[in-house]
Amino acid sequence: MADTQSRLTWYTTLDRPRWRPPPAVLGAAWTPLYALTMVAGARVLDRTAGAQRRPFARAYAASLVLGAAWSALFFGARSPRLALADAVVLNAANVSLLRHAWRADRLAAVELLPYVGWMAAMTAVTAAVATR
């Protein structure tokens, strides 16, 4: 709990863009986004096998790992610049994720759009913080 508080305190000291989402939205957005991402992932994995499943599973895993790495870099290491580099790679992984989902199940791809869009927006916020 103390670690979370110190991270939040550090975050409030940053020169953040005015157009960023409010803190309440930032906190509330993650649960439904990840829930929808899990539903989409389950749909694709249920509808694919073998050679079609592997690329999606790799992109899905990469997206999750890179998302966790962003948090560790931004808040843990307190390095917005490293987090930005991670976010750029994360967005590329998300494009791959979306492309593989589209091939397997278009509804699943549509379900991924809020997550992909949110991550792109968070990359813009990260870029604004990292370049100030």
N, C-alpha and C. Protein backbone atom coordinates (compact mmCIF):
# COMPACT_ATOMS: atom_id res chain seq x y z
N MET A 1 0.82 -1.19 0.00
CA MET A 1 0.00 0.00 0.00
C MET A 1 0.87 1.26 0.00
N ALA A 2 1.91 1.27 0.82
CA ALA A 2 2.80 2.43 0.87
C ALA A 2 3.49 2.63 -0.47
N ASP A 3 3.85 1.51 -1.12
CA ASP A 3 4.50 1.61 -2.42
C ASP A 3 3.56 2.22 -3.45
N THR A 4 2.30 1.80 -3.42
CA THR A 4 1.30 2.37 -4.33
C THR A 4 1.15 3.85 -4.08
N GLN A 5 1.10 4.24 -2.82
CA GLN A 5 0.96 5.65 -2.48
C GLN A 5 2.17 6.45 -2.96
N SER A 6 3.38 5.93 -2.82
CA SER A 6 4.55 6.67 -3.28
C SER A 6 4.55 6.80 -4.80
N ARG A 7 4.05 5.78 -5.49
CA ARG A 7 3.96 5.87 -6.96
C ARG A 7 2.95 6.91 -7.38
N LEU A 8 1.81 6.95 -6.68
CA LEU A 8 0.80 7.96 -7.00
C LEU A 8 1.31 9.36 -6.69
N THR A 9 2.02 9.49 -5.58
CA THR A 9 2.59 10.79 -5.23
C THR A 9 3.58 11.23 -6.30
N TRP A 10 4.44 10.32 -6.73
CA TRP A 10 5.40 10.63 -7.79
C TRP A 10 4.66 11.04 -9.06
N TYR A 11 3.62 10.30 -9.43
CA TYR A 11 2.86 10.58 -10.65
C TYR A 11 2.27 11.99 -10.62
N THR A 12 1.77 12.41 -9.47
CA THR A 12 1.16 13.74 -9.38
C THR A 12 2.19 14.86 -9.51
N THR A 13 3.48 14.55 -9.33
CA THR A 13 4.51 15.58 -9.49
C THR A 13 4.93 15.77 -10.94
N LEU A 14 4.51 14.87 -11.82
CA LEU A 14 4.91 14.95 -13.22
C LEU A 14 4.17 16.08 -13.94
N ASP A 15 4.81 16.62 -14.95
CA ASP A 15 4.17 17.61 -15.81
C ASP A 15 3.35 16.83 -16.84
N ARG A 16 2.06 16.66 -16.54
CA ARG A 16 1.18 15.85 -17.39
C ARG A 16 0.36 16.74 -18.31
N PRO A 17 -0.02 16.21 -19.46
CA PRO A 17 -0.82 17.02 -20.38
C PRO A 17 -2.22 17.27 -19.82
N ARG A 18 -2.77 18.40 -20.13
CA ARG A 18 -4.12 18.74 -19.65
C ARG A 18 -5.18 17.84 -20.25
N TRP A 19 -4.94 17.33 -21.44
CA TRP A 19 -5.93 16.52 -22.15
C TRP A 19 -5.96 15.06 -21.71
N ARG A 20 -5.17 14.69 -20.72
CA ARG A 20 -5.16 13.29 -20.26
C ARG A 20 -6.50 12.97 -19.61
N PRO A 21 -6.86 11.69 -19.59
CA PRO A 21 -8.10 11.31 -18.89
C PRO A 21 -7.98 11.60 -17.40
N PRO A 22 -9.10 11.94 -16.76
CA PRO A 22 -9.05 12.19 -15.32
C PRO A 22 -8.68 10.92 -14.56
N PRO A 23 -8.09 11.06 -13.37
CA PRO A 23 -7.66 9.89 -12.60
C PRO A 23 -8.76 8.84 -12.39
N ALA A 24 -9.98 9.27 -12.14
CA ALA A 24 -11.07 8.31 -11.92
C ALA A 24 -11.30 7.45 -13.16
N VAL A 25 -11.19 8.05 -14.33
CA VAL A 25 -11.37 7.30 -15.58
C VAL A 25 -10.19 6.35 -15.78
N LEU A 26 -8.99 6.83 -15.49
CA LEU A 26 -7.81 5.97 -15.64
C LEU A 26 -7.95 4.70 -14.82
N GLY A 27 -8.35 4.82 -13.58
CA GLY A 27 -8.48 3.66 -12.72
C GLY A 27 -9.63 2.75 -13.13
N ALA A 28 -10.75 3.35 -13.50
CA ALA A 28 -11.95 2.57 -13.83
C ALA A 28 -11.87 1.88 -15.18
N ALA A 29 -11.05 2.36 -16.08
CA ALA A 29 -11.03 1.83 -17.45
C ALA A 29 -10.41 0.44 -17.55
N TRP A 30 -9.44 0.14 -16.70
CA TRP A 30 -8.66 -1.09 -16.90
C TRP A 30 -9.46 -2.37 -16.76
N THR A 31 -10.33 -2.46 -15.77
CA THR A 31 -11.06 -3.72 -15.55
C THR A 31 -11.94 -4.09 -16.74
N PRO A 32 -12.80 -3.19 -17.24
CA PRO A 32 -13.59 -3.59 -18.41
C PRO A 32 -12.75 -3.81 -19.66
N LEU A 33 -11.67 -3.05 -19.81
CA LEU A 33 -10.82 -3.26 -20.99
C LEU A 33 -10.18 -4.64 -20.98
N TYR A 34 -9.63 -5.02 -19.83
CA TYR A 34 -9.00 -6.35 -19.75
C TYR A 34 -10.04 -7.46 -19.81
N ALA A 35 -11.23 -7.23 -19.25
CA ALA A 35 -12.29 -8.24 -19.33
C ALA A 35 -12.68 -8.47 -20.79
N LEU A 36 -12.86 -7.40 -21.53
CA LEU A 36 -13.21 -7.52 -22.95
C LEU A 36 -12.09 -8.17 -23.74
N THR A 37 -10.86 -7.86 -23.38
CA THR A 37 -9.70 -8.48 -24.03
C THR A 37 -9.67 -9.98 -23.75
N MET A 38 -10.01 -10.37 -22.53
CA MET A 38 -10.05 -11.81 -22.21
C MET A 38 -11.16 -12.51 -22.98
N VAL A 39 -12.31 -11.87 -23.10
CA VAL A 39 -13.42 -12.47 -23.87
C VAL A 39 -12.99 -12.64 -25.33
N ALA A 40 -12.38 -11.61 -25.89
CA ALA A 40 -11.92 -11.68 -27.28
C ALA A 40 -10.88 -12.78 -27.44
N GLY A 41 -9.93 -12.84 -26.52
CA GLY A 41 -8.90 -13.87 -26.58
C GLY A 41 -9.49 -15.26 -26.52
N ALA A 42 -10.45 -15.45 -25.63
CA ALA A 42 -11.10 -16.76 -25.51
C ALA A 42 -11.84 -17.13 -26.79
N ARG A 43 -12.49 -16.15 -27.40
CA ARG A 43 -13.21 -16.40 -28.67
C ARG A 43 -12.24 -16.88 -29.74
N VAL A 44 -11.13 -16.18 -29.87
CA VAL A 44 -10.16 -16.55 -30.91
C VAL A 44 -9.56 -17.92 -30.61
N LEU A 45 -9.15 -18.14 -29.39
CA LEU A 45 -8.53 -19.43 -29.04
C LEU A 45 -9.52 -20.58 -29.20
N ASP A 46 -10.80 -20.31 -28.96
CA ASP A 46 -11.82 -21.34 -29.13
C ASP A 46 -12.08 -21.66 -30.60
N ARG A 47 -11.82 -20.71 -31.47
CA ARG A 47 -12.14 -20.87 -32.89
C ARG A 47 -10.92 -21.19 -33.77
N THR A 48 -9.77 -21.34 -33.15
CA THR A 48 -8.56 -21.60 -33.92
C THR A 48 -7.83 -22.82 -33.38
N ALA A 49 -6.91 -23.29 -34.19
CA ALA A 49 -6.06 -24.41 -33.77
C ALA A 49 -4.74 -24.31 -34.52
N GLY A 50 -3.73 -24.94 -33.97
CA GLY A 50 -2.45 -25.10 -34.65
C GLY A 50 -1.85 -23.83 -35.21
N ALA A 51 -1.62 -23.86 -36.51
CA ALA A 51 -0.90 -22.78 -37.18
C ALA A 51 -1.63 -21.45 -37.10
N GLN A 52 -2.95 -21.46 -37.01
CA GLN A 52 -3.70 -20.20 -36.90
C GLN A 52 -3.70 -19.69 -35.45
N ARG A 53 -3.66 -20.59 -34.50
CA ARG A 53 -3.72 -20.20 -33.10
C ARG A 53 -2.40 -19.63 -32.60
N ARG A 54 -1.29 -20.19 -33.01
CA ARG A 54 0.02 -19.79 -32.47
C ARG A 54 0.34 -18.30 -32.66
N PRO A 55 0.16 -17.74 -33.87
CA PRO A 55 0.50 -16.32 -34.01
C PRO A 55 -0.38 -15.42 -33.13
N PHE A 56 -1.65 -15.77 -33.00
CA PHE A 56 -2.52 -14.99 -32.13
C PHE A 56 -2.06 -15.11 -30.68
N ALA A 57 -1.78 -16.33 -30.24
CA ALA A 57 -1.34 -16.55 -28.86
C ALA A 57 -0.06 -15.79 -28.56
N ARG A 58 0.86 -15.76 -29.51
CA ARG A 58 2.12 -15.01 -29.32
C ARG A 58 1.84 -13.51 -29.20
N ALA A 59 1.00 -12.99 -30.08
CA ALA A 59 0.68 -11.56 -30.04
C ALA A 59 -0.07 -11.21 -28.75
N TYR A 60 -0.95 -12.09 -28.33
CA TYR A 60 -1.72 -11.88 -27.09
C TYR A 60 -0.77 -11.85 -25.89
N ALA A 61 0.12 -12.83 -25.82
CA ALA A 61 1.10 -12.89 -24.73
C ALA A 61 2.01 -11.67 -24.76
N ALA A 62 2.47 -11.28 -25.94
CA ALA A 62 3.34 -10.11 -26.06
C ALA A 62 2.63 -8.86 -25.55
N SER A 63 1.36 -8.71 -25.90
CA SER A 63 0.60 -7.55 -25.46
C SER A 63 0.50 -7.51 -23.93
N LEU A 64 0.22 -8.64 -23.33
CA LEU A 64 0.10 -8.69 -21.87
C LEU A 64 1.44 -8.41 -21.18
N VAL A 65 2.51 -9.02 -21.69
CA VAL A 65 3.84 -8.82 -21.10
C VAL A 65 4.29 -7.37 -21.27
N LEU A 66 4.09 -6.82 -22.46
CA LEU A 66 4.51 -5.44 -22.70
C LEU A 66 3.68 -4.45 -21.89
N GLY A 67 2.41 -4.75 -21.69
CA GLY A 67 1.58 -3.90 -20.84
C GLY A 67 2.07 -3.90 -19.40
N ALA A 68 2.42 -5.06 -18.89
CA ALA A 68 2.98 -5.15 -17.53
C ALA A 68 4.33 -4.45 -17.46
N ALA A 69 5.12 -4.59 -18.51
CA ALA A 69 6.44 -3.94 -18.54
C ALA A 69 6.29 -2.42 -18.53
N TRP A 70 5.28 -1.92 -19.24
CA TRP A 70 5.06 -0.46 -19.25
C TRP A 70 4.86 0.03 -17.82
N SER A 71 4.00 -0.64 -17.08
CA SER A 71 3.72 -0.23 -15.71
C SER A 71 4.98 -0.29 -14.85
N ALA A 72 5.76 -1.35 -15.01
CA ALA A 72 7.00 -1.49 -14.24
C ALA A 72 8.00 -0.39 -14.60
N LEU A 73 8.08 -0.06 -15.87
CA LEU A 73 9.02 0.98 -16.31
C LEU A 73 8.56 2.37 -15.91
N PHE A 74 7.28 2.65 -16.12
CA PHE A 74 6.77 3.99 -15.83
C PHE A 74 6.72 4.25 -14.33
N PHE A 75 6.04 3.37 -13.59
CA PHE A 75 5.85 3.59 -12.16
C PHE A 75 6.96 3.00 -11.31
N GLY A 76 7.39 1.78 -11.63
CA GLY A 76 8.43 1.12 -10.83
C GLY A 76 9.79 1.78 -11.00
N ALA A 77 10.23 1.90 -12.25
CA ALA A 77 11.53 2.51 -12.53
C ALA A 77 11.44 4.03 -12.63
N ARG A 78 10.21 4.54 -12.65
CA ARG A 78 9.97 5.99 -12.80
C ARG A 78 10.70 6.54 -14.02
N SER A 79 10.53 5.82 -15.11
CA SER A 79 11.21 6.20 -16.35
C SER A 79 10.19 6.31 -17.49
N PRO A 80 9.58 7.48 -17.64
CA PRO A 80 8.63 7.66 -18.74
C PRO A 80 9.24 7.40 -20.12
N ARG A 81 10.52 7.70 -20.29
CA ARG A 81 11.14 7.47 -21.60
C ARG A 81 11.25 5.99 -21.93
N LEU A 82 11.68 5.18 -20.97
CA LEU A 82 11.72 3.73 -21.22
C LEU A 82 10.31 3.19 -21.40
N ALA A 83 9.37 3.71 -20.63
CA ALA A 83 7.98 3.28 -20.77
C ALA A 83 7.44 3.64 -22.15
N LEU A 84 7.86 4.78 -22.68
CA LEU A 84 7.43 5.16 -24.03
C LEU A 84 7.98 4.20 -25.07
N ALA A 85 9.24 3.82 -24.94
CA ALA A 85 9.81 2.84 -25.88
C ALA A 85 9.02 1.54 -25.82
N ASP A 86 8.70 1.10 -24.61
CA ASP A 86 7.89 -0.11 -24.44
C ASP A 86 6.52 0.08 -25.08
N ALA A 87 5.91 1.23 -24.88
CA ALA A 87 4.57 1.48 -25.41
C ALA A 87 4.54 1.45 -26.93
N VAL A 88 5.59 1.92 -27.56
CA VAL A 88 5.65 1.87 -29.03
C VAL A 88 5.65 0.42 -29.49
N VAL A 89 6.44 -0.42 -28.84
CA VAL A 89 6.47 -1.85 -29.18
C VAL A 89 5.13 -2.49 -28.84
N LEU A 90 4.54 -2.09 -27.73
CA LEU A 90 3.22 -2.61 -27.34
C LEU A 90 2.17 -2.30 -28.40
N ASN A 91 2.19 -1.10 -28.94
CA ASN A 91 1.23 -0.75 -29.98
C ASN A 91 1.43 -1.59 -31.24
N ALA A 92 2.67 -1.87 -31.58
CA ALA A 92 2.94 -2.76 -32.73
C ALA A 92 2.40 -4.16 -32.45
N ALA A 93 2.61 -4.64 -31.23
CA ALA A 93 2.07 -5.96 -30.86
C ALA A 93 0.55 -5.95 -30.91
N ASN A 94 -0.06 -4.85 -30.52
CA ASN A 94 -1.51 -4.77 -30.55
C ASN A 94 -2.06 -4.76 -31.97
N VAL A 95 -1.34 -4.15 -32.90
CA VAL A 95 -1.75 -4.21 -34.31
C VAL A 95 -1.70 -5.65 -34.79
N SER A 96 -0.65 -6.35 -34.43
CA SER A 96 -0.54 -7.77 -34.78
C SER A 96 -1.66 -8.57 -34.14
N LEU A 97 -1.94 -8.30 -32.88
CA LEU A 97 -3.02 -8.98 -32.16
C LEU A 97 -4.35 -8.77 -32.88
N LEU A 98 -4.62 -7.55 -33.24
CA LEU A 98 -5.87 -7.21 -33.93
C LEU A 98 -5.96 -7.90 -35.29
N ARG A 99 -4.86 -7.90 -36.01
CA ARG A 99 -4.84 -8.54 -37.33
C ARG A 99 -5.10 -10.04 -37.23
N HIS A 100 -4.46 -10.71 -36.28
CA HIS A 100 -4.67 -12.15 -36.12
C HIS A 100 -6.08 -12.45 -35.63
N ALA A 101 -6.61 -11.61 -34.76
CA ALA A 101 -7.98 -11.80 -34.29
C ALA A 101 -8.97 -11.63 -35.44
N TRP A 102 -8.74 -10.64 -36.28
CA TRP A 102 -9.63 -10.38 -37.42
C TRP A 102 -9.71 -11.59 -38.35
N ARG A 103 -8.60 -12.22 -38.57
CA ARG A 103 -8.58 -13.40 -39.44
C ARG A 103 -9.37 -14.57 -38.84
N ALA A 104 -9.36 -14.66 -37.52
CA ALA A 104 -9.99 -15.80 -36.86
C ALA A 104 -11.46 -15.56 -36.51
N ASP A 105 -11.76 -14.35 -36.04
CA ASP A 105 -13.11 -14.07 -35.55
C ASP A 105 -13.29 -12.55 -35.52
N ARG A 106 -14.10 -12.04 -36.42
CA ARG A 106 -14.21 -10.58 -36.54
C ARG A 106 -14.85 -9.93 -35.32
N LEU A 107 -15.76 -10.61 -34.68
CA LEU A 107 -16.34 -10.05 -33.46
C LEU A 107 -15.26 -9.90 -32.38
N ALA A 108 -14.40 -10.88 -32.27
CA ALA A 108 -13.30 -10.79 -31.31
C ALA A 108 -12.40 -9.60 -31.63
N ALA A 109 -12.14 -9.37 -32.90
CA ALA A 109 -11.33 -8.21 -33.28
C ALA A 109 -12.02 -6.91 -32.88
N VAL A 110 -13.32 -6.84 -33.09
CA VAL A 110 -14.07 -5.64 -32.69
C VAL A 110 -14.01 -5.48 -31.17
N GLU A 111 -14.07 -6.58 -30.43
CA GLU A 111 -13.98 -6.52 -28.97
C GLU A 111 -12.61 -6.02 -28.50
N LEU A 112 -11.59 -6.21 -29.31
CA LEU A 112 -10.25 -5.74 -28.96
C LEU A 112 -10.05 -4.25 -29.24
N LEU A 113 -10.90 -3.66 -30.07
CA LEU A 113 -10.71 -2.26 -30.46
C LEU A 113 -10.64 -1.29 -29.28
N PRO A 114 -11.51 -1.40 -28.26
CA PRO A 114 -11.38 -0.45 -27.14
C PRO A 114 -10.01 -0.54 -26.45
N TYR A 115 -9.51 -1.75 -26.26
CA TYR A 115 -8.19 -1.93 -25.63
C TYR A 115 -7.09 -1.33 -26.50
N VAL A 116 -7.12 -1.64 -27.78
CA VAL A 116 -6.09 -1.13 -28.70
C VAL A 116 -6.14 0.40 -28.75
N GLY A 117 -7.34 0.96 -28.82
CA GLY A 117 -7.48 2.41 -28.83
C GLY A 117 -7.03 3.06 -27.54
N TRP A 118 -7.39 2.45 -26.41
CA TRP A 118 -6.98 2.97 -25.11
C TRP A 118 -5.46 2.96 -24.97
N MET A 119 -4.84 1.87 -25.40
CA MET A 119 -3.38 1.78 -25.29
C MET A 119 -2.71 2.82 -26.19
N ALA A 120 -3.28 3.08 -27.35
CA ALA A 120 -2.73 4.13 -28.22
C ALA A 120 -2.85 5.49 -27.53
N ALA A 121 -3.99 5.74 -26.90
CA ALA A 121 -4.17 7.01 -26.19
C ALA A 121 -3.21 7.12 -25.01
N MET A 122 -3.01 6.03 -24.28
CA MET A 122 -2.07 6.05 -23.15
C MET A 122 -0.63 6.22 -23.63
N THR A 123 -0.34 5.75 -24.84
CA THR A 123 0.98 5.98 -25.43
C THR A 123 1.17 7.47 -25.69
N ALA A 124 0.12 8.14 -26.15
CA ALA A 124 0.21 9.58 -26.38
C ALA A 124 0.45 10.33 -25.07
N VAL A 125 -0.23 9.91 -24.01
CA VAL A 125 -0.01 10.53 -22.69
C VAL A 125 1.43 10.28 -22.23
N THR A 126 1.89 9.05 -22.40
CA THR A 126 3.27 8.70 -22.02
C THR A 126 4.27 9.55 -22.80
N ALA A 127 4.02 9.71 -24.09
CA ALA A 127 4.92 10.52 -24.93
C ALA A 127 4.93 11.97 -24.45
N ALA A 128 3.77 12.49 -24.10
CA ALA A 128 3.71 13.87 -23.62
C ALA A 128 4.50 14.03 -22.33
N VAL A 129 4.39 13.07 -21.43
CA VAL A 129 5.13 13.14 -20.17
C VAL A 129 6.63 12.97 -20.42
N ALA A 130 6.98 12.01 -21.27
CA ALA A 130 8.40 11.69 -21.52
C ALA A 130 9.15 12.82 -22.21
N THR A 131 8.45 13.63 -22.97
CA THR A 131 9.12 14.67 -23.75
C THR A 131 9.06 16.05 -23.09
N ARG A 132 8.54 16.13 -21.91
CA ARG A 132 8.46 17.44 -21.22
C ARG A 132 9.70 17.70 -20.40
